């Protein structure tokens, strides 16, 4: 995802299960002095941070500026405080809010922003990376995995193509790491071929891979 892909609007909302990665990627893309742009990465976006952002947004500056704000939840005081600045930002100021929990946002906040849906392939790639970086015992509890296994296709059946795409994402991620033993990649390919068999369970296949594949940063 790149900033150029976002809607040309002063306030954009991105909902993504891996909001920390998306926020960091956008911040790295800016690549300029911290005083010019603003980056917030918090589990809980609070009123003090909201006030800091408002002061930053209202401080005159001769160049366009971005505020990348990544959070899981936001307090009600913080959301209410941001309403005016999200609706009427100072000239040249753009807000990009990235959250993994849209349900906690006030409708009045959402209504002031343009909603952006990340590309599906990028979403799958991010989930595959998160899956491999998570301890095997916790992988099936990841929000993205729970949502993946709950997806249905247009005919109301479990979305096997989404699961296949996820496994191929795992293979692609594993292949980029030269330290990964080839046996894991080969087994992932085998599991991908089983997904289309109606007698197999997509959840069982993903669960098998969750215990089979080692945590990426622990591989020698």
Protein backbone atom coordinates (compact mmCIF):
# COMPACT_ATOMS: atom_id res chain seq x y z
CA UNK A 1 0.00 0.00 0.00
CA UNK A 2 1.20 3.49 -0.86
CA UNK A 3 0.00 6.95 0.06
CA UNK A 4 -0.70 7.62 -3.62
CA UNK A 5 -3.27 4.81 -3.56
CA UNK A 6 -5.38 6.54 -0.92
CA UNK A 7 -8.37 8.73 -1.79
CA UNK A 8 -7.55 12.41 -2.37
CA UNK A 9 -9.26 13.47 0.82
CA UNK A 10 -8.08 15.26 3.96
CA UNK A 11 -9.13 12.34 6.22
CA UNK A 12 -8.92 8.65 5.29
CA UNK A 13 -9.86 5.62 7.40
CA UNK A 14 -8.17 2.25 6.86
CA UNK A 15 -9.44 -0.84 8.68
CA UNK A 16 -6.93 -3.68 8.75
CA UNK A 17 -6.25 -6.57 11.13
CA UNK A 18 -2.53 -5.77 11.00
CA UNK A 19 -2.85 -2.03 11.56
CA UNK A 20 0.67 -1.73 13.06
CA UNK A 21 2.31 -2.94 9.85
CA UNK A 22 0.17 -0.75 7.61
CA UNK A 23 0.85 2.31 9.76
CA UNK A 24 4.59 1.65 9.78
CA UNK A 25 4.70 1.14 5.99
CA UNK A 26 2.94 4.44 5.35
CA UNK A 27 5.21 6.24 7.82
CA UNK A 28 8.35 4.80 6.25
CA UNK A 29 7.15 5.97 2.85
CA UNK A 30 7.08 9.58 4.04
CA UNK A 31 10.76 9.38 4.90
CA UNK A 32 11.01 12.98 6.05
CA UNK A 33 11.72 14.87 9.25
CA UNK A 34 9.47 13.92 12.20
CA UNK A 35 8.69 17.58 12.87
CA UNK A 36 6.96 17.91 9.51
CA UNK A 37 4.74 14.83 9.68
CA UNK A 38 3.20 13.04 12.66
CA UNK A 39 3.13 9.33 13.49
CA UNK A 40 1.04 7.79 16.28
CA UNK A 41 1.10 4.07 17.10
CA UNK A 42 -1.00 3.24 20.18
CA UNK A 43 -3.18 0.39 21.37
CA UNK A 44 -5.53 3.02 22.82
CA UNK A 45 -5.73 6.44 21.18
CA UNK A 46 -6.31 8.79 24.15
CA UNK A 47 -7.37 12.38 24.72
CA UNK A 48 -3.83 13.65 25.37
CA UNK A 49 -2.64 12.35 22.01
CA UNK A 50 -5.73 13.80 20.32
CA UNK A 51 -4.92 17.23 21.77
CA UNK A 52 -1.31 16.99 20.56
CA UNK A 53 -2.55 16.19 17.05
CA UNK A 54 -4.96 19.12 17.09
CA UNK A 55 -2.18 21.52 18.07
CA UNK A 56 0.06 20.02 15.37
CA UNK A 57 -2.68 20.35 12.73
CA UNK A 58 -3.41 23.97 13.64
CA UNK A 59 0.24 25.04 13.64
CA UNK A 60 0.98 26.92 10.38
CA UNK A 61 3.45 25.24 8.04
CA UNK A 62 4.37 25.99 4.43
CA UNK A 63 4.45 22.33 3.21
CA UNK A 64 1.76 19.61 3.00
CA UNK A 65 1.78 17.30 6.04
CA UNK A 66 0.49 13.84 6.92
CA UNK A 67 -0.59 12.45 10.28
CA UNK A 68 -0.47 8.64 10.30
CA UNK A 69 -2.49 7.49 13.32
CA UNK A 70 -2.51 3.76 14.08
CA UNK A 71 -4.56 2.38 16.98
CA UNK A 72 -6.74 -0.53 18.09
CA UNK A 73 -9.32 1.46 20.04
CA UNK A 74 -9.91 5.14 20.78
CA UNK A 75 -11.47 6.66 23.89
CA UNK A 76 -14.71 8.61 23.49
CA UNK A 77 -13.11 11.90 24.65
CA UNK A 78 -10.35 11.46 22.05
CA UNK A 79 -12.84 10.77 19.27
CA UNK A 80 -15.03 13.71 20.17
CA UNK A 81 -12.02 16.00 20.35
CA UNK A 82 -10.95 14.99 16.82
CA UNK A 83 -14.33 15.64 15.17
CA UNK A 84 -13.71 19.23 14.14
CA UNK A 85 -10.16 18.75 12.88
CA UNK A 86 -11.22 15.68 10.86
CA UNK A 87 -14.05 17.63 9.27
CA UNK A 88 -12.16 20.84 8.59
CA UNK A 89 -8.43 20.22 8.52
CA UNK A 90 -6.04 23.10 8.04
CA UNK A 91 -4.85 23.59 4.48
CA UNK A 92 -2.27 20.99 3.48
CA UNK A 93 -2.97 18.71 6.47
CA UNK A 94 -4.09 15.12 5.80
CA UNK A 95 -5.06 12.49 8.37
CA UNK A 96 -4.75 8.76 7.76
CA UNK A 97 -6.30 6.70 10.56
CA UNK A 98 -5.48 2.99 10.63
CA UNK A 99 -7.42 0.80 13.05
CA UNK A 100 -8.06 -2.89 13.57
CA UNK A 101 -11.35 -2.23 15.34
CA UNK A 102 -13.79 -0.06 13.38
CA UNK A 103 -16.66 -1.12 15.66
CA UNK A 104 -15.35 1.11 18.46
CA UNK A 105 -15.41 4.25 16.33
CA UNK A 106 -18.24 6.74 16.60
CA UNK A 107 -20.43 7.12 13.52
CA UNK A 108 -19.73 10.85 13.65
CA UNK A 109 -16.01 10.09 13.25
CA UNK A 110 -16.53 7.60 10.42
CA UNK A 111 -18.84 10.00 8.56
CA UNK A 112 -16.06 12.61 8.34
CA UNK A 113 -13.63 10.24 6.63
CA UNK A 114 -13.19 8.40 3.35
CA UNK A 115 -13.08 4.66 3.87
CA UNK A 116 -10.26 2.79 2.11
CA UNK A 117 -10.11 -0.99 1.68
CA UNK A 118 -6.57 -2.37 1.18
CA UNK A 119 -5.96 -4.62 -1.80
CA UNK A 120 -7.00 -8.21 -1.07
CA UNK A 121 -3.64 -9.65 -2.15
CA UNK A 122 -1.82 -7.26 0.15
CA UNK A 123 -4.18 -8.19 2.99
CA UNK A 124 -3.45 -11.91 2.45
CA UNK A 125 0.29 -11.22 2.35
CA UNK A 126 0.13 -9.27 5.61
CA UNK A 127 -1.88 -12.03 7.29
CA UNK A 128 0.59 -14.67 6.11
CA UNK A 129 3.48 -12.64 7.56
CA UNK A 130 1.66 -12.12 10.86
CA UNK A 131 0.80 -15.84 11.01
CA UNK A 132 4.45 -16.85 10.58
CA UNK A 133 5.69 -14.31 13.12
CA UNK A 134 3.23 -15.56 15.76
CA UNK A 135 3.88 -18.43 18.17
CA UNK A 136 2.30 -21.63 16.77
CA UNK A 137 0.06 -22.04 19.83
CA UNK A 138 -1.53 -18.62 19.23
CA UNK A 139 -1.92 -18.60 15.44
CA UNK A 140 -5.47 -19.94 15.28
CA UNK A 141 -6.59 -17.16 17.63
CA UNK A 142 -5.41 -14.36 15.35
CA UNK A 143 -8.28 -12.11 14.35
CA UNK A 144 -7.38 -12.39 10.67
CA UNK A 145 -7.39 -16.20 10.82
CA UNK A 146 -10.74 -16.31 12.61
CA UNK A 147 -12.20 -14.02 9.94
CA UNK A 148 -10.60 -16.04 7.13
CA UNK A 149 -12.08 -19.32 8.36
CA UNK A 150 -15.48 -17.66 8.78
CA UNK A 151 -15.64 -16.31 5.24
CA UNK A 152 -18.28 -17.63 2.86
CA UNK A 153 -18.39 -17.52 -0.92
CA UNK A 154 -21.30 -16.16 -2.96
CA UNK A 155 -23.16 -19.45 -2.58
CA UNK A 156 -22.95 -19.41 1.20
CA UNK A 157 -20.24 -22.09 1.42
CA UNK A 158 -16.92 -21.82 3.23
CA UNK A 159 -14.61 -19.76 1.04
CA UNK A 160 -11.98 -22.33 0.07
CA UNK A 161 -10.40 -20.00 -2.48
CA UNK A 162 -9.63 -17.51 0.29
CA UNK A 163 -7.95 -20.27 2.30
CA UNK A 164 -5.98 -21.40 -0.76
CA UNK A 165 -4.86 -17.80 -1.37
CA UNK A 166 -3.73 -17.58 2.26
CA UNK A 167 -1.66 -20.77 1.98
CA UNK A 168 -0.08 -19.51 -1.24
CA UNK A 169 0.69 -16.31 0.66
CA UNK A 170 2.44 -18.42 3.29
CA UNK A 171 4.46 -20.16 0.59
CA UNK A 172 5.44 -16.85 -0.99
CA UNK A 173 6.53 -15.45 2.38
CA UNK A 174 8.47 -18.60 3.28
CA UNK A 175 10.19 -18.65 -0.11
CA UNK A 176 11.59 -15.16 0.43
CA UNK A 177 13.44 -16.35 3.54
CA UNK A 178 16.54 -18.33 2.56
CA UNK A 179 16.82 -19.73 6.09
CA UNK A 180 13.51 -21.63 5.84
CA UNK A 181 14.02 -25.38 5.28
CA UNK A 182 12.51 -26.43 1.93
CA UNK A 183 10.50 -29.22 3.57
CA UNK A 184 8.10 -26.67 5.05
CA UNK A 185 7.48 -25.05 1.69
CA UNK A 186 6.85 -28.43 0.05
CA UNK A 187 4.37 -29.43 2.75
CA UNK A 188 2.54 -26.10 2.39
CA UNK A 189 2.19 -26.79 -1.34
CA UNK A 190 0.66 -30.19 -0.55
CA UNK A 191 -1.83 -28.60 1.83
CA UNK A 192 -2.78 -26.02 -0.82
CA UNK A 193 -3.64 -28.86 -3.20
CA UNK A 194 -5.96 -30.42 -0.61
CA UNK A 195 -8.06 -27.27 -0.11
CA UNK A 196 -10.23 -27.95 -3.16
CA UNK A 197 -11.23 -31.41 -1.91
CA UNK A 198 -14.75 -31.10 -0.40
CA UNK A 199 -14.00 -33.99 1.96
CA UNK A 200 -11.30 -31.95 3.71
CA UNK A 201 -11.75 -29.16 6.23
CA UNK A 202 -10.13 -25.82 5.50
CA UNK A 203 -9.89 -25.14 9.20
CA UNK A 204 -8.11 -28.45 9.80
CA UNK A 205 -5.59 -27.67 7.06
CA UNK A 206 -4.81 -24.21 8.46
CA UNK A 207 -4.59 -25.65 11.96
CA UNK A 208 -2.14 -28.31 10.75
CA UNK A 209 0.04 -25.62 9.17
CA UNK A 210 -0.15 -23.53 12.32
CA UNK A 211 1.58 -26.28 14.28
CA UNK A 212 3.83 -27.46 11.44
CA UNK A 213 5.44 -24.19 10.40
CA UNK A 214 8.01 -22.78 12.82
CA UNK A 215 7.99 -19.19 14.01
CA UNK A 216 9.99 -17.33 11.37
CA UNK A 217 12.29 -15.38 13.64
CA UNK A 218 13.33 -18.56 15.52
CA UNK A 219 14.60 -20.47 12.46
CA UNK A 220 18.36 -20.82 12.41
